[in-house]
Amino acid sequence: MNTRAIKSCTLVVVCLATVVIAREQHNQNRETIRRGISIVEIRDYRQMFRVNKEPVDMVEETKFMCAPPLSMYGPHYDPGVVYYVNDIARQGIKTFSNNKLFPVGSVIVKEKQERKTEDSVQIITVMNKVQSGSSEDSWEYKMYDTKKWAEIDFAKQTSSPLRRTCIECHRRYKENDYVSDKGIELLLGK
């Protein structure tokens, strides 16, 4: 083979590899939206946009809605909460007042701080918009123990007498696309 033919073959191989890699990344992104968000993907949540600079107090009634085993107050134990959103949710905030929906791919993370310090975080909760519309299954809810980086599933906790799922509380916020009133206030900057 001459040098020109080798260069042409190399160019074709590089172009094909680029197309295959790009297609694989696109498929992975679509699959992530379909199957939800993993621990690996959420570990760097602090790289997302931080909504509130200072931790805010949790609404008193909300503290008692979630069941043990984390504590007698569940994941909403006082004193501080910080919200983070990905770029898709951040863009969705701009149009939320018009359509009352977040776009698919929106991720909202709520960090629970025990002492209003970043080093006192025990758990985070994550809402991931997995399908369009405002049905109860349009969001995926996850809770993570940030000390072990393990998912917490209250529905499977045998020590939890209530064995609640997140939607049991979030369904009361359907008019906010299932985001709590306090969360919407913070996200919209009210």
Protein backbone atom coordinates (compact mmCIF):
# COMPACT_ATOMS: atom_id res chain seq x y z
CA MET A 1 0.00 0.00 0.00
CA ASN A 2 1.14 3.47 -0.67
CA THR A 3 1.22 6.27 1.91
CA ARG A 4 -1.86 7.96 0.48
CA ALA A 5 -3.98 4.80 0.80
CA ILE A 6 -2.80 4.26 4.39
CA LYS A 7 -3.72 7.85 5.30
CA SER A 8 -7.16 7.44 3.68
CA CYS A 9 -7.82 4.17 5.54
CA THR A 10 -6.68 5.75 8.80
CA LEU A 11 -9.00 8.72 8.25
CA VAL A 12 -11.96 6.40 7.56
CA VAL A 13 -11.24 4.35 10.70
CA VAL A 14 -10.94 7.49 12.86
CA CYS A 15 -14.20 8.88 11.45
CA LEU A 16 -16.04 5.61 12.06
CA ALA A 17 -14.68 5.37 15.60
CA THR A 18 -15.81 8.93 16.29
CA VAL A 19 -19.33 8.16 15.05
CA VAL A 20 -19.51 4.94 17.10
CA ILE A 21 -18.28 6.67 20.26
CA ALA A 22 -20.68 9.59 19.82
CA ARG A 23 -23.59 7.21 19.24
CA GLU A 24 -22.67 5.18 22.33
CA GLN A 25 -22.53 8.32 24.48
CA HIS A 26 -25.93 9.41 23.12
CA ASN A 27 -27.39 5.98 23.91
CA GLN A 28 -25.90 6.07 27.42
CA ASN A 29 -27.44 9.51 28.03
CA ARG A 30 -30.86 8.28 26.86
CA GLU A 31 -30.52 5.14 28.99
CA THR A 32 -29.57 7.24 32.03
CA ILE A 33 -32.80 9.22 31.68
CA ARG A 34 -34.80 6.00 31.24
CA ARG A 35 -33.26 4.00 34.09
CA GLY A 36 -32.59 6.89 36.41
CA ILE A 37 -29.54 8.27 38.06
CA SER A 38 -26.87 6.16 39.71
CA ILE A 39 -24.71 6.74 42.77
CA VAL A 40 -21.68 7.27 40.54
CA GLU A 41 -23.49 9.98 38.59
CA ILE A 42 -24.78 11.80 41.67
CA ARG A 43 -21.64 11.73 43.85
CA ASP A 44 -20.46 15.03 42.39
CA TYR A 45 -23.77 16.77 42.99
CA ARG A 46 -21.95 19.75 44.50
CA GLN A 47 -20.68 20.54 41.00
CA MET A 48 -24.31 21.35 40.12
CA PHE A 49 -25.80 24.80 40.60
CA ARG A 50 -26.32 25.54 44.29
CA VAL A 51 -29.75 27.15 44.69
CA ASN A 52 -29.49 28.53 48.24
CA LYS A 53 -26.20 29.85 49.59
CA GLU A 54 -27.13 29.28 53.23
CA PRO A 55 -28.93 26.16 54.51
CA VAL A 56 -32.63 26.69 55.17
CA ASP A 57 -34.75 25.11 57.87
CA MET A 58 -37.01 22.25 56.86
CA VAL A 59 -40.75 22.87 57.13
CA GLU A 60 -41.74 21.52 60.57
CA GLU A 61 -44.47 19.16 59.30
CA THR A 62 -42.17 17.70 56.66
CA LYS A 63 -39.64 16.49 59.23
CA PHE A 64 -42.08 13.89 60.52
CA MET A 65 -43.34 12.56 57.18
CA CYS A 66 -40.46 10.21 56.51
CA ALA A 67 -39.99 7.11 58.56
CA PRO A 68 -36.98 5.70 60.47
CA PRO A 69 -34.36 4.11 60.50
CA LEU A 70 -32.19 7.20 60.06
CA SER A 71 -33.54 8.89 63.14
CA MET A 72 -36.86 9.53 64.75
CA TYR A 73 -37.29 12.37 62.24
CA GLY A 74 -36.23 10.52 59.09
CA PRO A 75 -34.26 12.31 56.38
CA HIS A 76 -35.79 15.71 57.15
CA TYR A 77 -34.15 16.18 60.53
CA ASP A 78 -33.30 19.76 61.40
CA PRO A 79 -31.42 22.00 60.94
CA GLY A 80 -30.28 22.65 57.35
CA VAL A 81 -31.20 21.91 53.75
CA VAL A 82 -29.37 22.98 50.60
CA TYR A 83 -30.77 22.47 47.09
CA TYR A 84 -28.70 21.74 43.98
CA VAL A 85 -29.99 21.45 40.40
CA ASN A 86 -28.44 20.30 37.16
CA ASP A 87 -28.39 22.53 34.05
CA ILE A 88 -31.57 21.00 32.63
CA ALA A 89 -33.54 21.79 35.80
CA ARG A 90 -31.97 25.24 35.94
CA GLN A 91 -33.23 25.97 32.43
CA GLY A 92 -36.62 24.49 33.39
CA ILE A 93 -36.89 26.92 36.30
CA LYS A 94 -36.95 29.78 33.78
CA THR A 95 -40.15 28.46 32.17
CA PHE A 96 -41.72 26.78 35.20
CA SER A 97 -44.11 29.66 35.94
CA ASN A 98 -45.61 29.26 32.44
CA ASN A 99 -46.00 25.49 32.13
CA LYS A 100 -45.63 24.18 35.75
CA LEU A 101 -43.42 21.32 34.50
CA PHE A 102 -39.72 20.53 34.60
CA PRO A 103 -38.10 19.08 31.46
CA VAL A 104 -37.07 15.43 31.25
CA GLY A 105 -33.54 15.02 32.59
CA SER A 106 -34.00 17.58 35.38
CA VAL A 107 -32.21 16.59 38.58
CA ILE A 108 -32.95 18.21 41.93
CA VAL A 109 -30.76 17.26 44.89
CA LYS A 110 -31.65 18.13 48.46
CA GLU A 111 -28.72 17.94 50.87
CA LYS A 112 -29.60 17.41 54.54
CA GLN A 113 -27.08 18.98 56.90
CA GLU A 114 -27.30 18.05 60.57
CA ARG A 115 -25.49 21.15 61.84
CA LYS A 116 -25.78 23.58 58.90
CA THR A 117 -22.25 22.72 57.82
CA GLU A 118 -21.15 21.03 54.63
CA ASP A 119 -19.26 18.36 56.56
CA SER A 120 -22.38 17.31 58.50
CA VAL A 121 -24.28 15.89 55.52
CA GLN A 122 -25.67 12.43 56.25
CA ILE A 123 -28.07 11.96 53.36
CA ILE A 124 -29.18 13.51 50.11
CA THR A 125 -32.45 13.01 48.30
CA VAL A 126 -32.63 13.14 44.52
CA MET A 127 -35.52 13.79 42.17
CA ASN A 128 -34.82 12.84 38.55
CA LYS A 129 -37.43 13.71 35.89
CA VAL A 130 -37.60 10.54 33.79
CA GLN A 131 -40.63 11.21 31.58
CA SER A 132 -42.58 14.19 30.37
CA GLY A 133 -45.89 15.24 31.81
CA SER A 134 -47.15 15.40 35.34
CA SER A 135 -47.98 11.83 36.25
CA GLU A 136 -46.81 10.37 39.54
CA ASP A 137 -44.23 8.24 37.76
CA SER A 138 -42.71 11.16 35.82
CA TRP A 139 -40.10 11.51 38.59
CA GLU A 140 -37.72 8.97 40.05
CA TYR A 141 -36.89 9.50 43.73
CA LYS A 142 -33.71 8.26 45.38
CA MET A 143 -32.13 8.71 48.78
CA TYR A 144 -28.44 8.18 49.47
CA ASP A 145 -26.39 7.76 52.63
CA THR A 146 -23.43 10.02 51.85
CA LYS A 147 -21.17 8.42 54.45
CA LYS A 148 -21.32 5.01 52.76
CA TRP A 149 -22.56 6.17 49.34
CA ALA A 150 -25.32 3.61 49.42
CA GLU A 151 -28.91 3.96 48.34
CA ILE A 152 -31.53 4.01 51.10
CA ASP A 153 -34.86 2.47 50.17
CA PHE A 154 -37.47 3.15 52.84
CA ALA A 155 -40.02 0.95 51.10
CA LYS A 156 -37.76 -2.06 51.78
CA GLN A 157 -36.77 -1.16 55.35
CA THR A 158 -38.14 -3.82 57.68
CA SER A 159 -37.34 -1.65 60.69
CA SER A 160 -39.54 1.13 59.37
CA PRO A 161 -43.10 0.75 60.59
CA LEU A 162 -44.49 3.07 57.90
CA ARG A 163 -42.47 1.78 54.92
CA ARG A 164 -43.37 4.86 52.90
CA THR A 165 -42.27 5.75 49.43
CA CYS A 166 -41.34 9.29 48.43
CA ILE A 167 -44.35 9.77 46.15
CA GLU A 168 -46.70 9.21 49.09
CA CYS A 169 -45.65 12.63 50.37
CA HIS A 170 -44.79 14.30 47.06
CA ARG A 171 -48.17 13.60 45.45
CA ARG A 172 -49.62 16.49 47.48
CA TYR A 173 -47.41 18.80 45.35
CA LYS A 174 -48.76 17.79 41.93
CA GLU A 175 -49.39 21.46 41.04
CA ASN A 176 -45.62 22.04 41.50
CA ASP A 177 -44.69 19.04 39.32
CA TYR A 178 -44.25 17.09 42.59
CA VAL A 179 -41.63 19.46 44.05
CA SER A 180 -42.47 20.64 47.58
CA ASP A 181 -43.80 24.15 48.18
CA LYS A 182 -40.60 25.11 50.02
CA GLY A 183 -38.49 23.65 47.19
CA ILE A 184 -40.40 25.58 44.52
CA GLU A 185 -40.06 28.80 46.53
CA LEU A 186 -36.30 28.35 46.68
CA LEU A 187 -35.97 27.27 43.06
CA LEU A 188 -38.03 30.21 41.81
CA GLY A 189 -36.24 32.62 44.14
CA LYS A 190 -39.35 33.71 46.02
